[in-house]
Amino acid sequence: MSKQLLLGGEQRLVVDAGRITVAGTALPFPEFADLEAFTDRLVELDVLRCDDDVRRMLSGDDTGYSERHRQRRVRDSTGLTRKQIEQLSRAREAFALLLQGVPPSVSAARCGFADQAHLTRSLKTFHGQTPAQVLSGR
């Protein structure tokens, strides 16, 4: 995948009969719950690459690197800044809480959002739904 594509470009992929062809291999189009297995398969096919140093940095073990080096390494490897990755993670956690029926105000507080409006903006950006839509099952 080109770096331009990672930095916001689009690549339209054809889904035919529930399968998507990537790197000459037809794979089942993943549901949300299957995304990690799907990305693991893309790593196996060498369509995506895994940077173990970045994985360690994102898990909090970033000793031995300057702040600037960490910023560059994460952005170069993922196309996202660490802050964007943290925002995505908080939105994912809040989404899961909402699916369990936890009220938006409680979800916002547990996940570190400043307030419910902040949670709403984040969910609309990353999941395309408001907390009310998530709770209603839409």
Protein backbone atom coordinates (compact mmCIF):
# COMPACT_ATOMS: atom_id res chain seq x y z
CA MET A 1 0.00 0.00 0.00
CA SER A 2 1.40 3.38 -0.87
CA LYS A 3 2.17 5.90 1.86
CA GLN A 4 -0.20 8.37 0.17
CA LEU A 5 -2.98 5.84 0.66
CA LEU A 6 -2.17 5.56 4.36
CA LEU A 7 -2.18 9.32 4.76
CA GLY A 8 -5.76 9.76 3.69
CA GLY A 9 -6.01 8.57 0.13
CA GLU A 10 -8.70 6.11 -0.86
CA GLN A 11 -8.48 2.75 -2.51
CA ARG A 12 -11.82 1.34 -3.54
CA LEU A 13 -11.92 -2.44 -3.22
CA VAL A 14 -14.56 -4.55 -4.89
CA VAL A 15 -16.64 -6.82 -2.69
CA ASP A 16 -18.15 -9.64 -4.72
CA ALA A 17 -20.27 -12.39 -3.18
CA GLY A 18 -19.06 -11.45 0.30
CA ARG A 19 -15.39 -11.69 -0.67
CA ILE A 20 -12.75 -9.03 -1.24
CA THR A 21 -9.65 -9.54 -3.36
CA VAL A 22 -6.44 -8.18 -1.84
CA ALA A 23 -2.99 -8.91 -3.26
CA GLY A 24 -4.46 -11.53 -5.56
CA THR A 25 -6.14 -13.41 -2.71
CA ALA A 26 -9.91 -13.54 -2.22
CA LEU A 27 -10.77 -13.09 1.45
CA PRO A 28 -14.16 -13.10 3.18
CA PHE A 29 -15.29 -9.53 3.82
CA PRO A 30 -14.86 -9.09 7.58
CA GLU A 31 -17.52 -8.20 10.10
CA PHE A 32 -16.48 -5.81 12.87
CA ALA A 33 -15.69 -8.69 15.25
CA ASP A 34 -13.38 -10.27 12.63
CA LEU A 35 -11.26 -7.20 11.87
CA GLU A 36 -8.24 -8.28 13.93
CA ALA A 37 -8.09 -11.69 12.24
CA PHE A 38 -8.53 -9.94 8.88
CA THR A 39 -5.61 -7.58 9.56
CA ASP A 40 -3.49 -10.52 10.76
CA ARG A 41 -4.18 -12.18 7.41
CA LEU A 42 -3.17 -8.98 5.58
CA VAL A 43 0.13 -9.03 7.52
CA GLU A 44 0.66 -12.65 6.43
CA LEU A 45 0.05 -11.61 2.81
CA ASP A 46 2.56 -8.74 3.25
CA VAL A 47 -0.12 -6.19 2.38
CA LEU A 48 0.30 -4.66 5.83
CA ARG A 49 3.42 -4.60 7.92
CA CYS A 50 3.74 -4.87 11.66
CA ASP A 51 6.37 -2.77 13.44
CA ASP A 52 7.15 -4.40 16.79
CA ASP A 53 8.84 -1.24 18.11
CA VAL A 54 5.73 0.80 17.38
CA ARG A 55 3.55 -1.88 18.98
CA ARG A 56 5.70 -1.64 22.12
CA MET A 57 5.55 2.16 22.09
CA LEU A 58 1.77 2.15 21.79
CA SER A 59 1.50 -0.25 24.71
CA GLY A 60 3.47 2.19 26.87
CA ASP A 61 6.97 0.69 26.66
CA ASP A 62 8.76 3.51 24.88
CA THR A 63 12.00 3.63 26.84
CA GLY A 64 15.12 4.36 24.88
CA TYR A 65 13.47 6.69 22.38
CA SER A 66 13.21 10.47 22.36
CA GLU A 67 9.72 11.96 22.20
CA ARG A 68 10.36 13.22 18.66
CA HIS A 69 11.60 9.79 17.51
CA ARG A 70 8.49 8.14 18.97
CA GLN A 71 6.23 10.65 17.23
CA ARG A 72 7.91 10.15 13.85
CA ARG A 73 8.14 6.37 14.12
CA VAL A 74 4.48 5.93 15.05
CA ARG A 75 3.25 8.38 12.40
CA ASP A 76 5.47 6.89 9.69
CA SER A 77 4.38 3.35 10.50
CA THR A 78 0.66 3.90 11.04
CA GLY A 79 -0.22 7.10 9.21
CA LEU A 80 -1.70 8.36 12.49
CA THR A 81 -0.33 10.30 15.40
CA ARG A 82 -0.25 8.76 18.87
CA LYS A 83 -2.97 11.20 19.92
CA GLN A 84 -5.22 10.04 17.07
CA ILE A 85 -4.60 6.42 18.03
CA GLU A 86 -5.47 7.22 21.66
CA GLN A 87 -8.67 8.98 20.53
CA LEU A 88 -9.60 5.97 18.42
CA SER A 89 -8.99 3.66 21.37
CA ARG A 90 -11.16 5.74 23.70
CA ALA A 91 -13.94 5.87 21.10
CA ARG A 92 -13.74 2.08 20.68
CA GLU A 93 -13.94 1.59 24.46
CA ALA A 94 -16.91 3.98 24.78
CA PHE A 95 -18.68 2.27 21.86
CA ALA A 96 -18.31 -1.10 23.61
CA LEU A 97 -19.70 0.35 26.85
CA LEU A 98 -22.68 1.83 25.02
CA LEU A 99 -23.38 -1.53 23.38
CA GLN A 100 -23.57 -2.95 26.91
CA GLY A 101 -26.21 -0.34 27.77
CA VAL A 102 -23.99 1.97 29.84
CA PRO A 103 -25.42 5.53 29.70
CA PRO A 104 -23.49 8.06 27.57
CA SER A 105 -22.54 10.28 30.52
CA VAL A 106 -21.07 7.30 32.40
CA SER A 107 -19.30 6.02 29.25
CA ALA A 108 -17.81 9.47 28.67
CA ALA A 109 -16.48 9.68 32.23
CA ARG A 110 -15.05 6.13 32.22
CA CYS A 111 -13.25 6.64 28.92
CA GLY A 112 -11.72 10.01 29.76
CA PHE A 113 -13.86 12.30 27.64
CA ALA A 114 -14.29 15.85 28.93
CA ASP A 115 -18.08 15.58 28.69
CA GLN A 116 -20.88 13.84 26.84
CA ALA A 117 -20.67 16.27 23.90
CA HIS A 118 -17.00 15.35 23.46
CA LEU A 119 -17.98 11.66 23.40
CA THR A 120 -20.69 12.38 20.83
CA ARG A 121 -18.27 14.19 18.48
CA SER A 122 -15.73 11.40 18.79
CA LEU A 123 -18.24 8.62 18.10
CA LYS A 124 -19.64 10.48 15.10
CA THR A 125 -16.11 10.84 13.72
CA PHE A 126 -14.88 7.30 14.33
CA HIS A 127 -18.08 5.21 14.23
CA GLY A 128 -20.50 7.39 12.27
CA GLN A 129 -23.08 7.17 15.06
CA THR A 130 -24.12 9.21 18.07
CA PRO A 131 -24.39 7.56 21.49
CA ALA A 132 -28.19 7.63 21.18
CA GLN A 133 -27.98 5.75 17.86
CA VAL A 134 -25.65 3.16 19.37
CA LEU A 135 -27.98 2.66 22.35
CA SER A 136 -31.01 2.33 20.07
CA GLY A 137 -29.27 -0.35 18.02
CA ARG A 138 -29.10 1.61 14.76
